[in-house]
Amino acid sequence: MAKFVSFLLVFAITSSNAFSLEGREENTVRLVGRIQIYGNAPHTFAGIIDENGVEYAIYPPELEERLRALQGHLIEFTVIALDEPRGFGSLVLRGGTVKPLKWDLIGGDGERVPQGGR
């Protein structure tokens, strides 16, 4: 019984730490780039290509679908850089996988137009 209680205690501590690490501030990055659609129908996915040509996979899929509508616009993203590849796009895009938290369109005059996120 003592071993079982010890196991539960260790599991609870490690689980709480794992969930709290995902949104750490030091993983937050700002990117300026555009949404790019990759692949051939019906197997397409969206990614972010930044001003330096680095391509990032977007995770989770719900955000990827939502951001497709902004294809072609210059956007400033605030993202969390994920430590592990996630989603189909991460198999193709080598810049890493990001989870967009917030994004603003950048107008022709450089002005930011708030669009979405949390």
Protein backbone atom coordinates (compact mmCIF):
# COMPACT_ATOMS: atom_id res chain seq x y z
CA MET A 1 0.00 0.00 0.00
CA ALA A 2 2.84 2.39 0.84
CA LYS A 3 4.38 1.78 -2.59
CA PHE A 4 1.07 2.59 -4.27
CA VAL A 5 0.71 5.86 -2.32
CA SER A 6 4.33 6.75 -3.15
CA PHE A 7 3.67 6.04 -6.82
CA LEU A 8 0.58 8.27 -6.81
CA LEU A 9 2.48 11.07 -5.10
CA VAL A 10 5.36 10.91 -7.61
CA PHE A 11 2.90 10.72 -10.53
CA ALA A 12 0.96 13.75 -9.28
CA ILE A 13 4.12 15.85 -8.88
CA THR A 14 5.58 14.94 -12.28
CA SER A 15 2.25 15.41 -14.06
CA SER A 16 1.70 18.87 -12.62
CA ASN A 17 5.20 19.93 -13.68
CA ALA A 18 4.73 18.58 -17.21
CA PHE A 19 1.54 20.55 -17.74
CA SER A 20 2.97 23.77 -16.33
CA LEU A 21 6.07 23.73 -18.56
CA GLU A 22 4.21 23.98 -21.87
CA GLY A 23 3.40 27.70 -21.58
CA ARG A 24 6.68 28.94 -20.15
CA GLU A 25 7.50 32.51 -21.12
CA GLU A 26 11.05 31.72 -22.26
CA ASN A 27 9.60 29.66 -25.13
CA THR A 28 7.55 32.64 -26.39
CA VAL A 29 8.86 34.04 -29.67
CA ARG A 30 7.75 36.80 -32.05
CA LEU A 31 7.74 36.02 -35.75
CA VAL A 32 6.90 38.24 -38.70
CA GLY A 33 5.85 36.28 -41.75
CA ARG A 34 3.04 34.89 -43.84
CA ILE A 35 0.77 31.85 -43.85
CA GLN A 36 1.79 29.42 -46.59
CA ILE A 37 -0.28 26.44 -47.79
CA TYR A 38 1.71 23.26 -48.52
CA GLY A 39 0.85 19.97 -50.21
CA ASN A 40 -1.71 18.90 -52.79
CA ALA A 41 -5.46 18.67 -52.27
CA PRO A 42 -6.89 16.96 -50.34
CA HIS A 43 -3.70 16.61 -48.26
CA THR A 44 -2.85 20.25 -47.59
CA PHE A 45 -1.65 21.97 -44.44
CA ALA A 46 -0.72 25.51 -43.45
CA GLY A 47 2.58 26.73 -42.06
CA ILE A 48 4.30 30.01 -41.27
CA ILE A 49 7.17 31.25 -43.42
CA ASP A 50 9.08 34.07 -41.75
CA GLU A 51 10.97 36.97 -43.31
CA ASN A 52 14.16 34.88 -43.43
CA GLY A 53 12.48 32.03 -45.31
CA VAL A 54 12.33 29.67 -42.31
CA GLU A 55 9.20 27.49 -42.39
CA TYR A 56 7.34 26.52 -39.20
CA ALA A 57 4.61 23.94 -38.65
CA ILE A 58 1.49 25.18 -36.81
CA TYR A 59 0.00 23.22 -33.91
CA PRO A 60 -2.78 22.46 -32.96
CA PRO A 61 -4.72 21.67 -36.16
CA GLU A 62 -7.66 23.89 -35.10
CA LEU A 63 -5.40 26.96 -35.16
CA GLU A 64 -3.89 25.89 -38.47
CA GLU A 65 -7.37 25.75 -40.01
CA ARG A 66 -8.26 29.14 -38.54
CA LEU A 67 -5.09 30.81 -39.84
CA ARG A 68 -5.54 29.58 -43.43
CA ALA A 69 -7.91 32.50 -44.06
CA LEU A 70 -5.00 34.92 -43.52
CA GLN A 71 -2.86 33.46 -46.32
CA GLY A 72 -1.03 36.19 -48.21
CA HIS A 73 -1.08 38.81 -45.43
CA LEU A 74 2.02 39.96 -43.57
CA ILE A 75 1.46 39.01 -39.92
CA GLU A 76 3.24 39.46 -36.61
CA PHE A 77 2.83 36.28 -34.56
CA THR A 78 3.47 35.63 -30.89
CA VAL A 79 4.08 31.90 -30.62
CA ILE A 80 5.32 29.24 -28.26
CA ALA A 81 8.18 27.27 -29.79
CA LEU A 82 7.37 23.64 -29.00
CA ASP A 83 10.20 21.30 -28.07
CA GLU A 84 8.82 18.33 -30.02
CA PRO A 85 7.47 18.06 -33.57
CA ARG A 86 3.68 17.83 -33.58
CA GLY A 87 1.19 17.42 -36.39
CA PHE A 88 1.59 16.50 -40.04
CA GLY A 89 3.34 19.73 -41.03
CA SER A 90 6.23 19.04 -38.67
CA LEU A 91 7.23 16.08 -40.86
CA VAL A 92 7.88 18.46 -43.77
CA LEU A 93 8.73 21.89 -42.33
CA ARG A 94 12.13 21.92 -40.63
CA GLY A 95 11.97 25.26 -38.80
CA GLY A 96 10.20 23.64 -35.87
CA THR A 97 6.67 23.51 -34.57
CA VAL A 98 4.96 26.57 -33.08
CA LYS A 99 1.70 27.20 -31.26
CA PRO A 100 0.40 30.68 -32.16
CA LEU A 101 -0.93 32.56 -29.13
CA LYS A 102 -1.68 35.88 -30.80
CA TRP A 103 -1.38 37.44 -34.25
CA ASP A 104 -1.76 40.90 -35.77
CA LEU A 105 -1.98 41.83 -39.45
CA ILE A 106 0.64 44.32 -40.56
CA GLY A 107 -0.91 46.92 -42.88
CA GLY A 108 0.76 48.46 -45.92
CA ASP A 109 1.95 51.36 -43.75
CA GLY A 110 3.49 49.04 -41.13
CA GLU A 111 0.60 49.54 -38.69
CA ARG A 112 -0.49 46.46 -36.73
CA VAL A 113 -4.16 45.53 -36.92
CA PRO A 114 -5.10 43.15 -34.03
CA GLN A 115 -6.71 39.96 -35.34
CA GLY A 116 -6.84 37.04 -32.98
CA GLY A 117 -5.43 34.71 -30.47
CA ARG A 118 -6.30 34.27 -26.83
